[in-house]
Each structure stands twice: as structure tokens, then as C-alpha cells.
């Protein structure tokens, strides 16, 4: 049928390809002609399948979250202690950034930095997703305090924002061509921000003073 989708059209595969293009170039960098070429369909078929470029981006973002967000959840909700959990999150971000199409970094971080008039809703959508990430990291740090991995005096909000900022920095550095070693060095340095748990001193009763022998003070 003229203008229809090809018989072999697979919407899931098409969405995967759209996601990879949005991931590599961002929303505004991925033109309609690029999307249709990547998917292998014409513009009428694209609109029939997704409705609009914005709708396609929203679906691609959901697919990204399902596929790439599972490791995020595992790092924060697994059985690791707090230090191991945050390290796993940072290491996964390095892996994701270097393996992204065109070293595109994190789609959540770089999918839309600025918004042209009319695209503010997508900018706000990504901003809200990033804020949710900060909330999740803060919750994990709170658990660290409860578990005794972090001292009660830990500034949880500041640390959560800091580590999420590091995640975004890793993505940006990867897009600028940073090597794995350079990104790993960022991770190692960032981990220094985690305070060590307080070590409770042993009481005097637990370490009684050694009795002196008679005449020990004579000299």
C-alpha cells in the first residue's frame, strides 16, 4: 500500500533504533530524516507508528530506563554496603558512558541540555528524572547511616547532589573523548567524599590500666 509501513516493520526494533539515535545525538540533534533513515521507513510511516517525534522520544526514554536503569536499581537496592553500592553505581555509569552509541554518555543527562521554544516539556521531563535520581541516591545514603556505614553527621543531601553531579560529569567527559582510565580516576576521587563510619573507642573498663610492679617507678 502506498505510504504504508513495510511488511517487515517491527515496532520494537524501530523503537530501539530510535532510542540509539536519540541517545547518541540528543532530542534536537536527531532530525526526522535521521530517524527515518535509521529505522528504514518514510516520514508518513514514522508518524503512523509513533505519532510525532516528541512521542517517539518519550517512548525511547522509557525504553532506555527499562534497559539501562535496572543496573542502577541493583546498585542501590542490592545487598552491597554503602561504599560498595555507590562505587557500583559510578562504575556502571563509566561502563554505560563508554558503551553508548557515539559515546553519548547518559541519555538522562545529555538527552536535552537546552530546549528550543516548544520543547520545554521534554526538558522538564528529563530534569524531573534526574531529580528522582538524586532522591534515590539520598535514600541509599540514609540507609547507610541506619546501617552504620556512614556517621550520623553525614550531610546526605549534599552528598546525593554531589554523586549525581559526578554521574553527569562522567557522561560529559565520555562524550568529550575521555579514556576509561580518566573516567576511573574520576570515580576513585569521588569515592573520597564518602565519610568513614565513626569508630567507637573502647571504654576504660574494656582496657584496664596495667598494674605496675612494685618499685617500677624507682630509678
N, C-alpha and C. Protein backbone atom coordinates (compact mmCIF):
# COMPACT_ATOMS: atom_id res chain seq x y z
N UNK A 1 0.86 -1.20 0.00
CA UNK A 1 0.00 0.00 0.00
C UNK A 1 0.88 1.24 0.00
N UNK A 2 0.59 2.22 -0.84
CA UNK A 2 1.40 3.43 -0.91
C UNK A 2 1.42 4.15 0.44
N UNK A 3 2.62 4.55 0.87
CA UNK A 3 2.75 5.31 2.12
C UNK A 3 2.65 4.46 3.36
N UNK A 4 2.38 3.17 3.24
CA UNK A 4 2.25 2.32 4.41
C UNK A 4 3.59 1.83 4.89
N UNK A 5 3.58 1.17 6.02
CA UNK A 5 4.82 0.62 6.56
C UNK A 5 5.16 -0.67 5.84
N UNK A 6 6.44 -0.99 5.71
CA UNK A 6 6.83 -2.23 5.05
C UNK A 6 6.32 -3.43 5.83
N UNK A 7 6.10 -4.54 5.12
CA UNK A 7 5.59 -5.75 5.76
C UNK A 7 6.49 -6.22 6.90
N UNK A 8 7.79 -6.00 6.76
CA UNK A 8 8.74 -6.48 7.75
C UNK A 8 8.90 -5.52 8.93
N UNK A 9 8.11 -4.48 8.99
CA UNK A 9 8.28 -3.47 10.04
C UNK A 9 8.04 -4.10 11.41
N UNK A 10 9.01 -3.90 12.30
CA UNK A 10 8.92 -4.36 13.69
C UNK A 10 9.03 -3.13 14.57
N UNK A 11 7.96 -2.80 15.27
CA UNK A 11 7.94 -1.56 16.03
C UNK A 11 8.96 -1.55 17.16
N UNK A 12 9.19 -2.70 17.80
CA UNK A 12 10.16 -2.75 18.88
C UNK A 12 11.57 -2.49 18.38
N UNK A 13 11.90 -3.06 17.24
CA UNK A 13 13.21 -2.82 16.65
C UNK A 13 13.33 -1.35 16.24
N UNK A 14 12.24 -0.81 15.68
CA UNK A 14 12.24 0.60 15.28
C UNK A 14 12.46 1.50 16.49
N UNK A 15 11.81 1.17 17.60
CA UNK A 15 11.97 1.98 18.81
C UNK A 15 13.39 1.87 19.35
N UNK A 16 13.97 0.69 19.28
CA UNK A 16 15.35 0.51 19.72
C UNK A 16 16.30 1.39 18.90
N UNK A 17 16.10 1.42 17.61
CA UNK A 17 16.96 2.24 16.74
C UNK A 17 16.74 3.72 17.00
N UNK A 18 15.50 4.10 17.24
CA UNK A 18 15.21 5.50 17.56
C UNK A 18 15.89 5.88 18.88
N UNK A 19 15.81 4.98 19.87
CA UNK A 19 16.45 5.25 21.15
C UNK A 19 17.95 5.45 20.98
N UNK A 20 18.58 4.60 20.19
CA UNK A 20 20.03 4.71 19.99
C UNK A 20 20.40 6.04 19.33
N UNK A 21 19.57 6.50 18.42
CA UNK A 21 19.86 7.78 17.76
C UNK A 21 19.64 8.94 18.72
N UNK A 22 18.55 8.93 19.46
CA UNK A 22 18.32 9.98 20.45
C UNK A 22 19.43 9.97 21.50
N UNK A 23 19.87 8.79 21.87
CA UNK A 23 20.92 8.63 22.87
C UNK A 23 22.22 9.24 22.37
N UNK A 24 22.54 9.01 21.13
CA UNK A 24 23.80 9.49 20.56
C UNK A 24 23.78 10.98 20.28
N UNK A 25 22.63 11.51 19.83
CA UNK A 25 22.60 12.90 19.35
C UNK A 25 21.74 13.83 20.19
N UNK A 26 20.96 13.30 21.12
CA UNK A 26 20.04 14.15 21.85
C UNK A 26 18.77 14.38 21.03
N UNK A 27 17.78 14.94 21.69
CA UNK A 27 16.48 15.12 21.02
C UNK A 27 16.59 16.04 19.81
N UNK A 28 17.18 17.20 20.01
CA UNK A 28 17.20 18.18 18.93
C UNK A 28 18.25 17.87 17.88
N UNK A 29 19.25 17.07 18.24
CA UNK A 29 20.26 16.69 17.25
C UNK A 29 19.81 15.58 16.33
N UNK A 30 18.79 14.83 16.74
CA UNK A 30 18.26 13.74 15.92
C UNK A 30 17.12 14.29 15.06
N UNK A 31 17.41 14.54 13.81
CA UNK A 31 16.42 15.08 12.90
C UNK A 31 15.49 13.96 12.41
N UNK A 32 14.32 14.36 11.92
CA UNK A 32 13.37 13.38 11.43
C UNK A 32 13.96 12.53 10.32
N UNK A 33 14.73 13.17 9.42
CA UNK A 33 15.36 12.41 8.33
C UNK A 33 16.34 11.37 8.87
N UNK A 34 17.03 11.70 9.97
CA UNK A 34 17.95 10.75 10.58
C UNK A 34 17.17 9.57 11.18
N UNK A 35 16.07 9.87 11.83
CA UNK A 35 15.27 8.83 12.46
C UNK A 35 14.68 7.88 11.43
N UNK A 36 14.10 8.43 10.38
CA UNK A 36 13.50 7.56 9.37
C UNK A 36 14.57 6.73 8.65
N UNK A 37 15.75 7.31 8.45
CA UNK A 37 16.83 6.57 7.81
C UNK A 37 17.31 5.43 8.71
N UNK A 38 17.44 5.71 10.02
CA UNK A 38 17.90 4.69 10.96
C UNK A 38 16.91 3.55 11.07
N UNK A 39 15.62 3.89 11.03
CA UNK A 39 14.58 2.88 11.17
C UNK A 39 14.31 2.17 9.85
N UNK A 40 14.50 2.91 8.74
CA UNK A 40 14.25 2.34 7.43
C UNK A 40 12.82 2.50 6.96
N UNK A 41 12.19 3.61 7.36
CA UNK A 41 10.82 3.88 6.92
C UNK A 41 10.74 5.33 6.45
N UNK A 42 9.63 5.67 5.82
CA UNK A 42 9.45 7.04 5.35
C UNK A 42 8.70 7.85 6.41
N UNK A 43 8.67 9.18 6.27
CA UNK A 43 8.02 10.03 7.29
C UNK A 43 6.57 9.66 7.59
N UNK A 44 5.72 9.41 6.58
CA UNK A 44 4.34 9.02 6.92
C UNK A 44 4.28 7.77 7.79
N UNK A 45 5.16 6.81 7.51
CA UNK A 45 5.18 5.58 8.31
C UNK A 45 5.66 5.86 9.73
N UNK A 46 6.62 6.78 9.86
CA UNK A 46 7.10 7.16 11.19
C UNK A 46 5.97 7.76 12.01
N UNK A 47 5.24 8.67 11.43
CA UNK A 47 4.14 9.31 12.16
C UNK A 47 3.03 8.31 12.46
N UNK A 48 2.81 7.35 11.56
CA UNK A 48 1.81 6.33 11.81
C UNK A 48 2.21 5.44 12.97
N UNK A 49 3.51 5.20 13.11
CA UNK A 49 4.00 4.31 14.16
C UNK A 49 4.09 5.00 15.52
N UNK A 50 4.53 6.28 15.54
CA UNK A 50 4.82 6.95 16.80
C UNK A 50 3.98 8.19 17.08
N UNK A 51 3.36 8.74 16.07
CA UNK A 51 2.54 9.93 16.27
C UNK A 51 3.29 11.22 16.05
N UNK A 52 4.47 11.33 16.64
CA UNK A 52 5.29 12.54 16.50
C UNK A 52 6.70 12.23 16.97
N UNK A 53 7.61 13.14 16.66
CA UNK A 53 8.98 12.97 17.12
C UNK A 53 9.04 13.03 18.65
N UNK A 54 8.27 13.94 19.24
CA UNK A 54 8.26 14.04 20.71
C UNK A 54 7.76 12.76 21.34
N UNK A 55 6.68 12.20 20.78
CA UNK A 55 6.14 10.96 21.32
C UNK A 55 7.15 9.83 21.19
N UNK A 56 7.88 9.80 20.07
CA UNK A 56 8.90 8.78 19.88
C UNK A 56 10.01 8.93 20.92
N UNK A 57 10.39 10.18 21.22
CA UNK A 57 11.43 10.41 22.22
C UNK A 57 10.98 9.95 23.60
N UNK A 58 9.73 10.22 23.94
CA UNK A 58 9.21 9.79 25.24
C UNK A 58 9.24 8.27 25.36
N UNK A 59 8.84 7.60 24.30
CA UNK A 59 8.88 6.13 24.31
C UNK A 59 10.32 5.62 24.38
N UNK A 60 11.20 6.29 23.64
CA UNK A 60 12.60 5.89 23.66
C UNK A 60 13.20 6.07 25.05
N UNK A 61 12.79 7.12 25.73
CA UNK A 61 13.28 7.37 27.08
C UNK A 61 12.80 6.28 28.04
N UNK A 62 11.56 5.86 27.88
CA UNK A 62 11.03 4.78 28.71
C UNK A 62 11.78 3.48 28.45
N UNK A 63 12.08 3.22 27.18
CA UNK A 63 12.85 2.02 26.85
C UNK A 63 14.25 2.10 27.46
N UNK A 64 14.86 3.26 27.39
CA UNK A 64 16.18 3.47 27.98
C UNK A 64 16.15 3.18 29.48
N UNK A 65 15.12 3.68 30.15
CA UNK A 65 15.01 3.46 31.58
C UNK A 65 14.85 1.98 31.91
N UNK A 66 14.05 1.28 31.13
CA UNK A 66 13.85 -0.15 31.38
C UNK A 66 15.13 -0.94 31.16
N UNK A 67 15.84 -0.61 30.11
CA UNK A 67 17.02 -1.40 29.76
C UNK A 67 18.25 -1.00 30.56
N UNK A 68 18.45 0.28 30.74
CA UNK A 68 19.67 0.75 31.38
C UNK A 68 19.49 1.03 32.87
N UNK A 69 18.25 1.24 33.29
CA UNK A 69 18.01 1.60 34.68
C UNK A 69 18.03 0.42 35.64
N UNK A 70 17.97 -0.82 35.12
CA UNK A 70 17.93 -1.97 36.01
C UNK A 70 19.22 -2.09 36.83
N UNK A 71 20.36 -1.81 36.20
CA UNK A 71 21.63 -1.88 36.92
C UNK A 71 21.72 -0.79 37.98
N UNK A 72 21.14 0.37 37.68
CA UNK A 72 21.07 1.46 38.68
C UNK A 72 20.35 0.96 39.91
N UNK A 73 19.18 0.34 39.69
CA UNK A 73 18.40 -0.18 40.81
C UNK A 73 19.14 -1.26 41.57
N UNK A 74 19.85 -2.14 40.86
CA UNK A 74 20.59 -3.20 41.52
C UNK A 74 21.69 -2.63 42.41
N UNK A 75 22.35 -1.58 41.93
CA UNK A 75 23.43 -0.98 42.73
C UNK A 75 22.89 -0.37 44.01
N UNK A 76 21.72 0.26 43.93
CA UNK A 76 21.19 0.98 45.08
C UNK A 76 20.36 0.09 46.01
N UNK A 77 19.77 -0.96 45.47
CA UNK A 77 18.85 -1.77 46.28
C UNK A 77 19.40 -3.16 46.60
N UNK A 78 20.62 -3.46 46.18
CA UNK A 78 21.18 -4.78 46.42
C UNK A 78 21.70 -4.95 47.84
N UNK A 79 22.48 -6.00 48.03
CA UNK A 79 23.00 -6.34 49.36
C UNK A 79 24.36 -5.72 49.65
N UNK A 80 24.84 -4.87 48.76
CA UNK A 80 26.14 -4.23 48.97
C UNK A 80 26.07 -3.23 50.11
N UNK A 81 27.20 -3.00 50.78
CA UNK A 81 27.21 -1.93 51.77
C UNK A 81 27.24 -0.59 51.03
N UNK A 82 27.17 0.49 51.77
CA UNK A 82 27.01 1.80 51.14
C UNK A 82 28.16 2.15 50.22
N UNK A 83 29.37 1.92 50.67
CA UNK A 83 30.53 2.27 49.85
C UNK A 83 30.55 1.43 48.57
N UNK A 84 30.27 0.14 48.69
CA UNK A 84 30.24 -0.73 47.53
C UNK A 84 29.10 -0.34 46.58
N UNK A 85 27.98 0.07 47.16
CA UNK A 85 26.82 0.45 46.35
C UNK A 85 27.10 1.68 45.50
N UNK A 86 27.65 2.71 46.13
CA UNK A 86 27.96 3.94 45.39
C UNK A 86 29.05 3.67 44.35
N UNK A 87 30.03 2.86 44.70
CA UNK A 87 31.10 2.53 43.75
C UNK A 87 30.52 1.77 42.55
N UNK A 88 29.61 0.84 42.80
CA UNK A 88 28.99 0.09 41.71
C UNK A 88 28.20 1.02 40.79
N UNK A 89 27.55 2.00 41.38
CA UNK A 89 26.77 2.96 40.58
C UNK A 89 27.70 3.79 39.69
N UNK A 90 28.80 4.25 40.24
CA UNK A 90 29.76 5.04 39.46
C UNK A 90 30.43 4.19 38.37
N UNK A 91 30.82 2.97 38.73
CA UNK A 91 31.46 2.09 37.75
C UNK A 91 30.51 1.78 36.60
N UNK A 92 29.24 1.54 36.92
CA UNK A 92 28.27 1.25 35.87
C UNK A 92 28.09 2.45 34.95
N UNK A 93 28.13 3.64 35.52
CA UNK A 93 27.99 4.85 34.70
C UNK A 93 29.15 4.99 33.72
N UNK A 94 30.35 4.64 34.18
CA UNK A 94 31.51 4.65 33.28
C UNK A 94 31.30 3.65 32.15
N UNK A 95 30.90 2.46 32.50
CA UNK A 95 30.66 1.41 31.50
C UNK A 95 29.59 1.84 30.51
N UNK A 96 28.52 2.42 31.02
CA UNK A 96 27.42 2.85 30.17
C UNK A 96 27.85 3.99 29.25
N UNK A 97 28.59 4.94 29.80
CA UNK A 97 29.01 6.09 29.01
C UNK A 97 29.94 5.69 27.87
N UNK A 98 30.86 4.77 28.15
CA UNK A 98 31.81 4.36 27.12
C UNK A 98 31.17 3.44 26.08
N UNK A 99 30.11 2.74 26.49
CA UNK A 99 29.44 1.83 25.57
C UNK A 99 28.29 2.44 24.82
N UNK A 100 27.98 3.70 25.12
CA UNK A 100 26.85 4.37 24.48
C UNK A 100 27.13 4.63 23.00
N UNK A 101 26.08 4.67 22.18
CA UNK A 101 26.27 4.98 20.75
C UNK A 101 26.97 6.33 20.59
N UNK A 102 28.10 6.32 19.92
CA UNK A 102 28.83 7.57 19.74
C UNK A 102 29.35 8.14 21.04
N UNK A 103 29.57 7.25 22.05
CA UNK A 103 29.96 7.71 23.39
C UNK A 103 29.03 8.84 23.85
N UNK A 104 27.75 8.57 23.70
CA UNK A 104 26.76 9.60 24.01
C UNK A 104 26.53 9.86 25.48
N UNK A 105 27.21 9.12 26.35
CA UNK A 105 27.01 9.32 27.77
C UNK A 105 25.64 8.84 28.20
N UNK A 106 25.08 9.46 29.20
CA UNK A 106 23.78 9.08 29.74
C UNK A 106 22.68 9.86 29.03
N UNK A 107 21.68 9.16 28.54
CA UNK A 107 20.58 9.82 27.83
C UNK A 107 19.80 10.75 28.77
N UNK A 108 19.72 10.36 30.04
CA UNK A 108 19.02 11.20 31.01
C UNK A 108 19.75 12.52 31.24
N UNK A 109 21.07 12.44 31.22
CA UNK A 109 21.87 13.63 31.49
C UNK A 109 22.00 14.54 30.28
N UNK A 110 22.17 13.92 29.11
CA UNK A 110 22.54 14.71 27.93
C UNK A 110 21.50 14.68 26.82
N UNK A 111 20.36 14.01 27.05
CA UNK A 111 19.36 13.92 26.00
C UNK A 111 18.78 15.25 25.59
N UNK A 112 18.74 16.19 26.52
CA UNK A 112 18.29 17.54 26.20
C UNK A 112 18.85 18.51 27.23
N UNK A 113 19.90 19.20 26.87
CA UNK A 113 20.50 20.18 27.79
C UNK A 113 19.74 21.49 27.72
N UNK A 114 19.56 21.99 26.51
CA UNK A 114 18.77 23.20 26.29
C UNK A 114 17.53 22.81 25.49
N UNK A 115 16.53 23.65 25.49
CA UNK A 115 15.29 23.35 24.78
C UNK A 115 14.89 24.52 23.89
N UNK A 116 14.64 24.21 22.65
CA UNK A 116 14.08 25.21 21.74
C UNK A 116 12.66 25.51 22.16
N UNK A 117 12.15 26.69 21.81
CA UNK A 117 10.75 27.01 22.15
C UNK A 117 9.81 25.90 21.67
N UNK A 118 8.95 25.47 22.58
CA UNK A 118 8.01 24.41 22.27
C UNK A 118 8.44 23.05 22.79
N UNK A 119 9.70 22.95 23.24
CA UNK A 119 10.21 21.67 23.72
C UNK A 119 10.47 21.70 25.23
N UNK A 120 9.95 22.69 25.91
CA UNK A 120 10.22 22.82 27.34
C UNK A 120 9.71 21.62 28.14
N UNK A 121 8.62 21.01 27.67
CA UNK A 121 8.04 19.87 28.41
C UNK A 121 9.03 18.71 28.46
N UNK A 122 9.76 18.48 27.38
CA UNK A 122 10.74 17.40 27.37
C UNK A 122 11.94 17.75 28.26
N UNK A 123 12.34 19.01 28.23
CA UNK A 123 13.43 19.45 29.12
C UNK A 123 13.04 19.22 30.57
N UNK A 124 11.81 19.58 30.91
CA UNK A 124 11.34 19.41 32.29
C UNK A 124 11.21 17.93 32.65
N UNK A 125 10.84 17.10 31.68
CA UNK A 125 10.73 15.67 31.92
C UNK A 125 12.07 15.09 32.32
N UNK A 126 13.12 15.42 31.59
CA UNK A 126 14.45 14.91 31.92
C UNK A 126 14.96 15.49 33.24
N UNK A 127 14.66 16.76 33.47
CA UNK A 127 15.06 17.37 34.76
C UNK A 127 14.42 16.62 35.92
N UNK A 128 13.13 16.29 35.79
CA UNK A 128 12.43 15.58 36.86
C UNK A 128 13.01 14.17 37.05
N UNK A 129 13.39 13.53 35.95
CA UNK A 129 14.01 12.20 36.06
C UNK A 129 15.33 12.30 36.82
N UNK A 130 16.10 13.33 36.53
CA UNK A 130 17.39 13.49 37.22
C UNK A 130 17.18 13.79 38.70
N UNK A 131 16.17 14.57 39.01
CA UNK A 131 15.88 14.85 40.41
C UNK A 131 15.44 13.59 41.15
N UNK A 132 14.73 12.72 40.45
CA UNK A 132 14.36 11.45 41.05
C UNK A 132 15.60 10.62 41.35
N UNK A 133 16.60 10.70 40.47
CA UNK A 133 17.86 10.01 40.72
C UNK A 133 18.54 10.51 41.98
N UNK A 134 18.52 11.82 42.19
CA UNK A 134 19.09 12.39 43.42
C UNK A 134 18.36 11.84 44.64
N UNK A 135 17.04 11.77 44.55
CA UNK A 135 16.24 11.26 45.67
C UNK A 135 16.62 9.81 45.98
N UNK A 136 16.79 8.99 44.94
CA UNK A 136 17.13 7.59 45.15
C UNK A 136 18.51 7.44 45.79
N UNK A 137 19.47 8.23 45.34
CA UNK A 137 20.81 8.17 45.94
C UNK A 137 20.75 8.62 47.40
N UNK A 138 19.98 9.66 47.68
CA UNK A 138 19.86 10.12 49.06
C UNK A 138 19.25 9.04 49.95
N UNK A 139 18.24 8.36 49.43
CA UNK A 139 17.63 7.27 50.21
C UNK A 139 18.65 6.18 50.53
N UNK A 140 19.53 5.90 49.56
CA UNK A 140 20.55 4.87 49.80
C UNK A 140 21.54 5.34 50.85
N UNK A 141 21.89 6.61 50.82
CA UNK A 141 22.80 7.15 51.83
C UNK A 141 22.15 7.15 53.21
N UNK A 142 20.86 7.42 53.26
CA UNK A 142 20.13 7.36 54.53
C UNK A 142 20.22 5.95 55.12
N UNK A 143 20.06 4.96 54.26
CA UNK A 143 20.18 3.58 54.70
C UNK A 143 21.59 3.33 55.24
N UNK A 144 22.58 3.95 54.60
CA UNK A 144 23.94 3.79 55.07
C UNK A 144 24.14 4.31 56.48
N UNK A 145 23.47 5.41 56.80
CA UNK A 145 23.53 5.93 58.17
C UNK A 145 22.86 4.95 59.13
N UNK A 146 21.69 4.44 58.74
CA UNK A 146 20.98 3.50 59.60
C UNK A 146 21.78 2.22 59.83
N UNK A 147 22.49 1.79 58.80
CA UNK A 147 23.28 0.56 58.90
C UNK A 147 24.62 0.75 59.59
N UNK A 148 24.98 1.99 59.85
CA UNK A 148 26.26 2.26 60.48
C UNK A 148 27.41 2.38 59.50
N UNK A 149 27.11 2.40 58.18
CA UNK A 149 28.17 2.56 57.18
C UNK A 149 28.66 4.00 57.11
N UNK A 150 27.80 4.94 57.48
CA UNK A 150 28.13 6.36 57.44
C UNK A 150 27.84 6.96 58.81
N UNK A 151 28.58 7.97 59.22
CA UNK A 151 28.32 8.61 60.52
C UNK A 151 27.00 9.36 60.50
N UNK A 152 26.33 9.49 61.65
CA UNK A 152 25.06 10.21 61.71
C UNK A 152 25.14 11.65 61.26
N UNK A 153 26.32 12.24 61.33
CA UNK A 153 26.50 13.65 60.97
C UNK A 153 26.62 13.86 59.46
N UNK A 154 26.55 12.80 58.65
CA UNK A 154 26.72 12.92 57.20
C UNK A 154 25.69 13.86 56.60
N UNK A 155 26.14 14.77 55.76
CA UNK A 155 25.24 15.68 55.04
C UNK A 155 24.70 14.93 53.83
N UNK A 156 23.57 14.28 53.99
CA UNK A 156 23.03 13.39 52.98
C UNK A 156 22.63 14.12 51.70
N UNK A 157 21.98 15.26 51.84
CA UNK A 157 21.53 16.00 50.66
C UNK A 157 22.71 16.46 49.82
N UNK A 158 23.72 16.97 50.49
CA UNK A 158 24.90 17.46 49.76
C UNK A 158 25.60 16.32 49.04
N UNK A 159 25.74 15.17 49.71
CA UNK A 159 26.40 14.03 49.09
C UNK A 159 25.61 13.48 47.91
N UNK A 160 24.28 13.44 48.05
CA UNK A 160 23.44 12.92 46.96
C UNK A 160 23.57 13.79 45.72
N UNK A 161 23.53 15.09 45.90
CA UNK A 161 23.69 16.00 44.76
C UNK A 161 25.09 15.87 44.18
N UNK A 162 26.07 15.73 45.05
CA UNK A 162 27.45 15.60 44.58
C UNK A 162 27.62 14.37 43.70
N UNK A 163 27.16 13.22 44.17
CA UNK A 163 27.37 11.98 43.40
C UNK A 163 26.57 11.99 42.10
N UNK A 164 25.38 12.55 42.12
CA UNK A 164 24.63 12.65 40.86
C UNK A 164 25.31 13.62 39.90
N UNK A 165 25.94 14.65 40.45
CA UNK A 165 26.73 15.55 39.60
C UNK A 165 27.92 14.83 38.98
N UNK A 166 28.54 13.93 39.74
CA UNK A 166 29.65 13.14 39.21
C UNK A 166 29.16 12.22 38.09
N UNK A 167 27.98 11.64 38.25
CA UNK A 167 27.42 10.79 37.20
C UNK A 167 27.26 11.57 35.90
N UNK A 168 26.77 12.79 36.03
CA UNK A 168 26.60 13.63 34.84
C UNK A 168 27.95 14.02 34.24
N UNK A 169 28.91 14.31 35.12
CA UNK A 169 30.24 14.69 34.63
C UNK A 169 30.90 13.54 33.87
N UNK A 170 30.70 12.32 34.34
CA UNK A 170 31.25 11.16 33.63
C UNK A 170 30.70 11.09 32.22
N UNK A 171 29.39 11.31 32.08
CA UNK A 171 28.78 11.28 30.75
C UNK A 171 29.36 12.35 29.84
N UNK A 172 29.51 13.55 30.37
CA UNK A 172 30.02 14.65 29.56
C UNK A 172 31.47 14.41 29.17
N UNK A 173 32.27 13.91 30.11
CA UNK A 173 33.67 13.64 29.81
C UNK A 173 33.80 12.53 28.76
N UNK A 174 32.93 11.52 28.85
CA UNK A 174 32.95 10.44 27.86
C UNK A 174 32.62 10.98 26.48
N UNK A 175 31.64 11.87 26.42
CA UNK A 175 31.29 12.46 25.13
C UNK A 175 32.43 13.29 24.57
N UNK A 176 33.24 13.86 25.45
CA UNK A 176 34.38 14.65 25.00
C UNK A 176 35.61 13.80 24.71
N UNK A 177 35.48 12.47 24.83
CA UNK A 177 36.57 11.59 24.44
C UNK A 177 37.46 11.10 25.56
N UNK A 178 37.00 11.22 26.80
CA UNK A 178 37.82 10.76 27.93
C UNK A 178 38.05 9.25 27.83
N UNK A 179 39.21 8.81 28.28
CA UNK A 179 39.54 7.39 28.28
C UNK A 179 38.94 6.72 29.51
N UNK A 180 38.94 5.39 29.49
CA UNK A 180 38.44 4.66 30.67
C UNK A 180 39.27 5.01 31.91
N UNK A 181 40.59 5.09 31.75
CA UNK A 181 41.42 5.43 32.91
C UNK A 181 41.05 6.79 33.47
N UNK A 182 40.83 7.75 32.61
CA UNK A 182 40.46 9.09 33.08
C UNK A 182 39.13 9.05 33.82
N UNK A 183 38.19 8.28 33.31
CA UNK A 183 36.89 8.18 33.98
C UNK A 183 37.02 7.39 35.29
N UNK A 184 37.83 6.34 35.28
CA UNK A 184 38.04 5.59 36.51
C UNK A 184 38.70 6.47 37.58
N UNK A 185 39.59 7.36 37.16
CA UNK A 185 40.22 8.28 38.10
C UNK A 185 39.19 9.22 38.74
N UNK A 186 38.19 9.64 37.95
CA UNK A 186 37.11 10.46 38.50
C UNK A 186 36.38 9.69 39.59
N UNK A 187 36.11 8.41 39.32
CA UNK A 187 35.40 7.57 40.29
C UNK A 187 36.20 7.44 41.58
N UNK A 188 37.49 7.15 41.45
CA UNK A 188 38.33 6.98 42.64
C UNK A 188 38.35 8.26 43.47
N UNK A 189 38.47 9.39 42.82
CA UNK A 189 38.50 10.67 43.53
C UNK A 189 37.15 10.96 44.19
N UNK A 190 36.07 10.67 43.48
CA UNK A 190 34.73 10.92 44.03
C UNK A 190 34.47 10.09 45.27
N UNK A 191 34.98 8.87 45.31
CA UNK A 191 34.74 8.00 46.45
C UNK A 191 35.35 8.55 47.74
N UNK A 192 36.32 9.44 47.61
CA UNK A 192 36.92 10.04 48.79
C UNK A 192 35.94 10.94 49.54
N UNK A 193 34.85 11.31 48.88
CA UNK A 193 33.88 12.19 49.52
C UNK A 193 33.03 11.44 50.55
N UNK A 194 33.01 10.12 50.49
CA UNK A 194 32.21 9.35 51.45
C UNK A 194 32.94 9.30 52.79
N UNK A 195 32.32 9.79 53.84
CA UNK A 195 32.98 9.74 55.14
C UNK A 195 33.03 8.33 55.69
N UNK A 196 34.05 8.07 56.46
CA UNK A 196 34.17 6.77 57.11
C UNK A 196 33.23 6.73 58.32
N UNK A 197 32.71 5.55 58.66
CA UNK A 197 31.87 5.47 59.87
C UNK A 197 32.71 5.75 61.11
N UNK A 198 32.05 6.30 62.13
CA UNK A 198 32.77 6.56 63.37
C UNK A 198 33.17 5.24 64.02
N UNK A 199 34.39 5.18 64.53
CA UNK A 199 34.84 4.00 65.26
C UNK A 199 34.70 4.29 66.74
N UNK A 200 33.87 3.50 67.39
CA UNK A 200 33.62 3.73 68.80
C UNK A 200 34.86 3.35 69.61
N UNK A 201 35.37 4.28 70.42
CA UNK A 201 36.55 3.94 71.25
C UNK A 201 36.18 2.92 72.32
N UNK A 202 37.10 2.06 72.63
CA UNK A 202 36.85 1.09 73.68
C UNK A 202 36.81 1.80 75.04
N UNK A 203 35.93 1.34 75.91
CA UNK A 203 35.78 2.00 77.21
C UNK A 203 36.98 1.68 78.08
N UNK A 204 37.09 2.46 79.13
CA UNK A 204 38.21 2.25 80.06
C UNK A 204 38.11 0.89 80.73
N UNK A 205 36.82 0.42 80.93
CA UNK A 205 36.65 -0.87 81.56
C UNK A 205 37.17 -1.99 80.67
N UNK A 206 37.05 -1.75 79.36
CA UNK A 206 37.47 -2.80 78.41
C UNK A 206 38.99 -2.86 78.30
N UNK A 207 39.65 -1.77 78.67
CA UNK A 207 41.11 -1.73 78.57
C UNK A 207 41.67 -1.23 79.90
N UNK A 208 41.61 -2.07 80.92
CA UNK A 208 42.09 -1.63 82.23
C UNK A 208 43.58 -1.33 82.21
N UNK A 209 43.97 -0.36 83.03
CA UNK A 209 45.38 0.02 83.10
C UNK A 209 46.20 -1.14 83.66
N UNK A 210 47.35 -1.33 83.12
CA UNK A 210 48.22 -2.41 83.58
C UNK A 210 48.80 -2.05 84.94
N UNK A 211 48.71 -3.00 85.85
CA UNK A 211 49.26 -2.76 87.19
C UNK A 211 50.78 -2.68 87.14
N UNK A 212 51.26 -1.74 87.88
CA UNK A 212 52.70 -1.57 87.93
C UNK A 212 53.30 -2.51 88.98
N UNK A 213 54.48 -2.97 88.68
CA UNK A 213 55.20 -3.80 89.62
C UNK A 213 55.79 -2.94 90.73
N UNK A 214 55.84 -3.49 91.88
CA UNK A 214 56.47 -2.71 92.98
C UNK A 214 57.86 -2.26 92.59
N UNK A 215 58.11 -1.00 92.88
CA UNK A 215 59.43 -0.44 92.59
C UNK A 215 59.65 -0.07 91.15
N UNK A 216 58.56 -0.12 90.35
CA UNK A 216 58.74 0.16 88.93
C UNK A 216 59.13 1.61 88.70
N UNK A 217 58.71 2.53 89.65
CA UNK A 217 59.00 3.92 89.47
C UNK A 217 60.39 4.30 90.02
N UNK A 218 60.98 3.35 90.66
CA UNK A 218 62.29 3.70 91.27
C UNK A 218 63.33 3.83 90.16
N UNK A 219 64.16 4.74 90.36
CA UNK A 219 65.17 4.86 89.35
C UNK A 219 66.20 5.69 89.84
